N, C-alpha and C. Protein backbone atom coordinates (compact mmCIF):
# COMPACT_ATOMS: atom_id res chain seq x y z
N MET A 1 173.89 107.22 94.63
CA MET A 1 174.28 105.85 94.45
C MET A 1 175.73 105.71 94.92
N ARG A 2 175.98 104.67 95.71
CA ARG A 2 177.34 104.42 96.16
C ARG A 2 178.18 103.95 94.99
N LEU A 3 179.45 104.34 95.01
CA LEU A 3 180.36 103.98 93.93
C LEU A 3 180.40 102.48 93.72
N ARG A 4 180.39 101.70 94.81
CA ARG A 4 180.46 100.24 94.68
C ARG A 4 179.24 99.66 93.98
N GLU A 5 178.15 100.43 93.89
CA GLU A 5 176.93 99.95 93.24
C GLU A 5 176.73 100.53 91.84
N HIS A 6 177.64 101.38 91.41
CA HIS A 6 177.49 102.04 90.11
C HIS A 6 177.56 100.99 89.00
N PRO A 7 176.59 101.00 88.10
CA PRO A 7 176.55 99.95 87.07
C PRO A 7 177.61 100.07 85.97
N LYS A 8 178.29 101.20 85.88
CA LYS A 8 179.21 101.42 84.77
C LYS A 8 180.68 101.21 85.12
N ILE A 9 180.99 100.92 86.40
CA ILE A 9 182.39 100.67 86.77
C ILE A 9 182.46 99.47 87.71
N GLU A 10 183.66 98.94 87.84
CA GLU A 10 183.90 97.80 88.73
C GLU A 10 184.52 98.32 90.03
N TRP A 11 183.82 98.09 91.15
CA TRP A 11 184.37 98.44 92.46
C TRP A 11 184.16 97.30 93.42
N PRO A 12 185.15 96.85 94.15
CA PRO A 12 186.50 97.37 94.09
C PRO A 12 187.20 96.91 92.83
N PRO A 13 188.15 97.69 92.37
CA PRO A 13 188.90 97.27 91.17
C PRO A 13 189.82 96.10 91.50
N THR A 14 190.37 95.50 90.48
CA THR A 14 191.32 94.41 90.65
C THR A 14 192.70 95.00 90.90
N TRP A 15 193.25 94.71 92.07
CA TRP A 15 194.55 95.26 92.47
C TRP A 15 195.66 94.27 92.14
N SER A 16 196.80 94.79 91.78
CA SER A 16 197.95 93.91 91.55
C SER A 16 199.23 94.65 91.92
N GLU A 17 200.23 93.86 92.21
CA GLU A 17 201.57 94.36 92.45
C GLU A 17 202.42 93.76 91.34
N PRO A 18 203.39 94.49 90.84
CA PRO A 18 204.21 93.90 89.78
C PRO A 18 204.70 92.49 90.15
N SER A 19 204.53 91.56 89.24
CA SER A 19 204.94 90.15 89.35
C SER A 19 204.21 89.37 90.43
N GLU A 20 203.03 89.80 90.80
CA GLU A 20 202.21 89.03 91.74
C GLU A 20 200.84 88.79 91.12
N LEU A 21 200.12 87.85 91.67
CA LEU A 21 198.76 87.60 91.22
C LEU A 21 197.85 88.75 91.63
N PRO A 22 196.77 88.99 90.90
CA PRO A 22 195.86 90.07 91.25
C PRO A 22 195.30 89.91 92.67
N LEU A 23 195.03 91.02 93.30
CA LEU A 23 194.48 91.05 94.64
C LEU A 23 193.15 91.78 94.58
N ASN A 24 192.05 91.08 94.76
CA ASN A 24 190.74 91.72 94.78
C ASN A 24 190.41 92.08 96.22
N ALA A 25 190.36 93.37 96.50
CA ALA A 25 190.09 93.76 97.88
C ALA A 25 189.66 95.21 97.96
N ASP A 26 188.87 95.48 98.97
CA ASP A 26 188.43 96.82 99.29
C ASP A 26 189.19 97.27 100.54
N HIS A 27 190.35 96.66 100.79
CA HIS A 27 191.15 96.94 101.98
C HIS A 27 192.37 97.77 101.61
N GLY A 28 192.93 98.43 102.60
CA GLY A 28 194.13 99.22 102.38
C GLY A 28 193.81 100.71 102.38
N THR A 29 194.84 101.49 102.14
CA THR A 29 194.74 102.95 102.14
C THR A 29 195.03 103.48 100.75
N LEU A 30 194.17 104.37 100.27
CA LEU A 30 194.37 104.98 98.97
C LEU A 30 195.57 105.93 99.05
N ARG A 31 196.55 105.72 98.22
CA ARG A 31 197.77 106.56 98.23
C ARG A 31 197.80 107.57 97.10
N ASP A 32 197.14 107.26 95.97
CA ASP A 32 197.17 108.20 94.84
C ASP A 32 196.09 107.81 93.83
N VAL A 33 195.68 108.77 93.05
CA VAL A 33 194.78 108.52 91.93
C VAL A 33 195.18 109.47 90.81
N ASP A 34 195.35 108.91 89.61
CA ASP A 34 195.75 109.70 88.44
C ASP A 34 194.83 109.41 87.28
N LEU A 35 194.58 110.42 86.48
CA LEU A 35 193.85 110.25 85.23
C LEU A 35 194.91 109.95 84.18
N ILE A 36 195.03 108.67 83.76
CA ILE A 36 196.13 108.27 82.88
C ILE A 36 195.73 108.26 81.40
N GLU A 37 194.47 108.25 81.13
CA GLU A 37 193.92 108.37 79.79
C GLU A 37 192.62 109.16 79.96
N PRO A 38 192.07 109.67 78.89
CA PRO A 38 190.85 110.46 79.07
C PRO A 38 189.71 109.74 79.80
N SER A 39 189.68 108.41 79.71
CA SER A 39 188.60 107.69 80.39
C SER A 39 189.13 106.56 81.27
N LYS A 40 190.35 106.71 81.80
CA LYS A 40 190.92 105.66 82.63
C LYS A 40 191.67 106.27 83.82
N LEU A 41 191.41 105.71 85.01
CA LEU A 41 192.08 106.14 86.24
C LEU A 41 193.06 105.07 86.70
N LEU A 42 194.16 105.50 87.30
CA LEU A 42 195.10 104.59 87.94
C LEU A 42 195.07 104.91 89.43
N LEU A 43 194.71 103.91 90.23
CA LEU A 43 194.69 104.05 91.68
C LEU A 43 195.89 103.32 92.28
N THR A 44 196.44 103.88 93.33
CA THR A 44 197.54 103.27 94.07
C THR A 44 197.10 103.13 95.51
N LYS A 45 197.31 101.94 96.07
CA LYS A 45 196.97 101.74 97.47
C LYS A 45 198.13 101.09 98.19
N GLU A 46 198.09 101.20 99.52
CA GLU A 46 199.07 100.53 100.36
C GLU A 46 198.32 99.60 101.30
N LEU A 47 198.86 98.40 101.44
CA LEU A 47 198.28 97.39 102.32
C LEU A 47 199.41 96.56 102.89
N ASP A 48 199.51 96.53 104.20
CA ASP A 48 200.55 95.76 104.88
C ASP A 48 201.96 96.09 104.36
N GLY A 49 202.20 97.38 104.12
CA GLY A 49 203.52 97.81 103.69
C GLY A 49 203.83 97.59 102.22
N LYS A 50 202.89 97.04 101.46
CA LYS A 50 203.10 96.82 100.02
C LYS A 50 202.24 97.79 99.23
N VAL A 51 202.69 98.12 98.03
CA VAL A 51 201.97 99.03 97.15
C VAL A 51 201.32 98.23 96.03
N TYR A 52 200.07 98.55 95.75
CA TYR A 52 199.30 97.87 94.71
C TYR A 52 198.71 98.91 93.77
N PHE A 53 198.42 98.48 92.54
CA PHE A 53 197.88 99.36 91.52
C PHE A 53 196.61 98.75 90.94
N ALA A 54 195.71 99.64 90.51
CA ALA A 54 194.50 99.18 89.83
C ALA A 54 194.07 100.25 88.83
N GLU A 55 193.49 99.82 87.74
CA GLU A 55 192.94 100.74 86.75
C GLU A 55 191.42 100.65 86.79
N ILE A 56 190.79 101.80 86.60
CA ILE A 56 189.34 101.85 86.46
C ILE A 56 189.06 102.45 85.10
N SER A 57 188.40 101.70 84.24
CA SER A 57 187.99 102.20 82.94
C SER A 57 186.58 102.76 83.08
N CYS A 58 186.40 103.97 82.62
CA CYS A 58 185.10 104.64 82.72
C CYS A 58 184.43 104.66 81.35
N PHE A 59 183.13 104.85 81.35
CA PHE A 59 182.39 104.77 80.10
C PHE A 59 182.50 106.02 79.25
N ASN A 60 182.98 107.14 79.82
CA ASN A 60 183.27 108.32 79.00
C ASN A 60 184.23 109.25 79.73
N ASN A 61 184.77 110.21 79.00
CA ASN A 61 185.78 111.11 79.54
C ASN A 61 185.25 112.02 80.65
N VAL A 62 184.03 112.49 80.50
CA VAL A 62 183.45 113.39 81.50
C VAL A 62 183.28 112.66 82.82
N PHE A 63 182.75 111.44 82.75
CA PHE A 63 182.58 110.64 83.96
C PHE A 63 183.94 110.39 84.63
N ALA A 64 184.95 110.05 83.83
CA ALA A 64 186.29 109.78 84.37
C ALA A 64 186.85 111.01 85.08
N SER A 65 186.69 112.16 84.48
CA SER A 65 187.19 113.39 85.08
C SER A 65 186.48 113.70 86.40
N ARG A 66 185.16 113.54 86.42
CA ARG A 66 184.39 113.78 87.65
C ARG A 66 184.78 112.78 88.74
N LEU A 67 184.94 111.52 88.36
CA LEU A 67 185.32 110.49 89.32
C LEU A 67 186.72 110.77 89.88
N HIS A 68 187.64 111.17 89.03
CA HIS A 68 188.99 111.51 89.45
C HIS A 68 188.96 112.62 90.50
N GLU A 69 188.20 113.67 90.24
CA GLU A 69 188.10 114.79 91.19
C GLU A 69 187.52 114.34 92.52
N LYS A 70 186.50 113.49 92.50
CA LYS A 70 185.88 113.00 93.74
C LYS A 70 186.85 112.12 94.53
N ILE A 71 187.51 111.20 93.85
CA ILE A 71 188.37 110.24 94.54
C ILE A 71 189.63 110.92 95.09
N LYS A 72 190.12 111.99 94.43
CA LYS A 72 191.32 112.68 94.92
C LYS A 72 191.17 113.11 96.38
N SER A 73 189.97 113.47 96.78
CA SER A 73 189.76 113.93 98.16
C SER A 73 189.85 112.78 99.17
N PHE A 74 189.94 111.54 98.70
CA PHE A 74 190.02 110.38 99.58
C PHE A 74 191.45 109.85 99.74
N VAL A 75 192.42 110.49 99.11
CA VAL A 75 193.82 110.05 99.25
C VAL A 75 194.19 110.11 100.72
N GLY A 76 194.80 109.00 101.20
CA GLY A 76 195.19 108.89 102.60
C GLY A 76 194.12 108.26 103.47
N ARG A 77 192.98 107.94 102.89
CA ARG A 77 191.89 107.34 103.65
C ARG A 77 191.67 105.89 103.22
N PRO A 78 190.96 105.12 104.04
CA PRO A 78 190.71 103.71 103.69
C PRO A 78 189.92 103.57 102.40
N LEU A 79 190.29 102.57 101.60
CA LEU A 79 189.58 102.32 100.35
C LEU A 79 188.12 102.00 100.56
N LYS A 80 187.78 101.41 101.65
CA LYS A 80 186.38 101.09 101.93
C LYS A 80 185.54 102.37 101.88
N GLU A 81 186.10 103.49 102.34
CA GLU A 81 185.37 104.76 102.29
C GLU A 81 185.17 105.24 100.85
N VAL A 82 186.12 104.97 99.98
CA VAL A 82 185.98 105.36 98.58
C VAL A 82 184.77 104.65 97.98
N GLY A 83 184.65 103.37 98.25
CA GLY A 83 183.53 102.60 97.73
C GLY A 83 182.18 103.06 98.25
N GLU A 84 182.17 103.73 99.37
CA GLU A 84 180.93 104.21 99.98
C GLU A 84 180.55 105.60 99.52
N LEU A 85 181.42 106.31 98.79
CA LEU A 85 181.09 107.67 98.43
C LEU A 85 179.91 107.71 97.48
N ASP A 86 179.08 108.73 97.64
CA ASP A 86 177.93 108.91 96.75
C ASP A 86 178.39 109.52 95.45
N PHE A 87 177.95 108.94 94.36
CA PHE A 87 178.36 109.45 93.05
C PHE A 87 177.20 109.41 92.09
């Protein structure tokens, strides 16, 4: 199943830059992914020279850890490819 079709997470996530309105997009380049809580990821992307952040809440810690490991290999690649990964 492609990540964008997974029933337990929202893809693409809602992106925002500090003090700007949210940006919903599957565009840009993935710059980083961190496991910030046992079941929450923080993604960082770059688009048109600006940096944006998004959180993905997962339904459990094991899923979050597995997703983190998978997405780490996509750092530096287009976000559209992340949404297409099989999970």
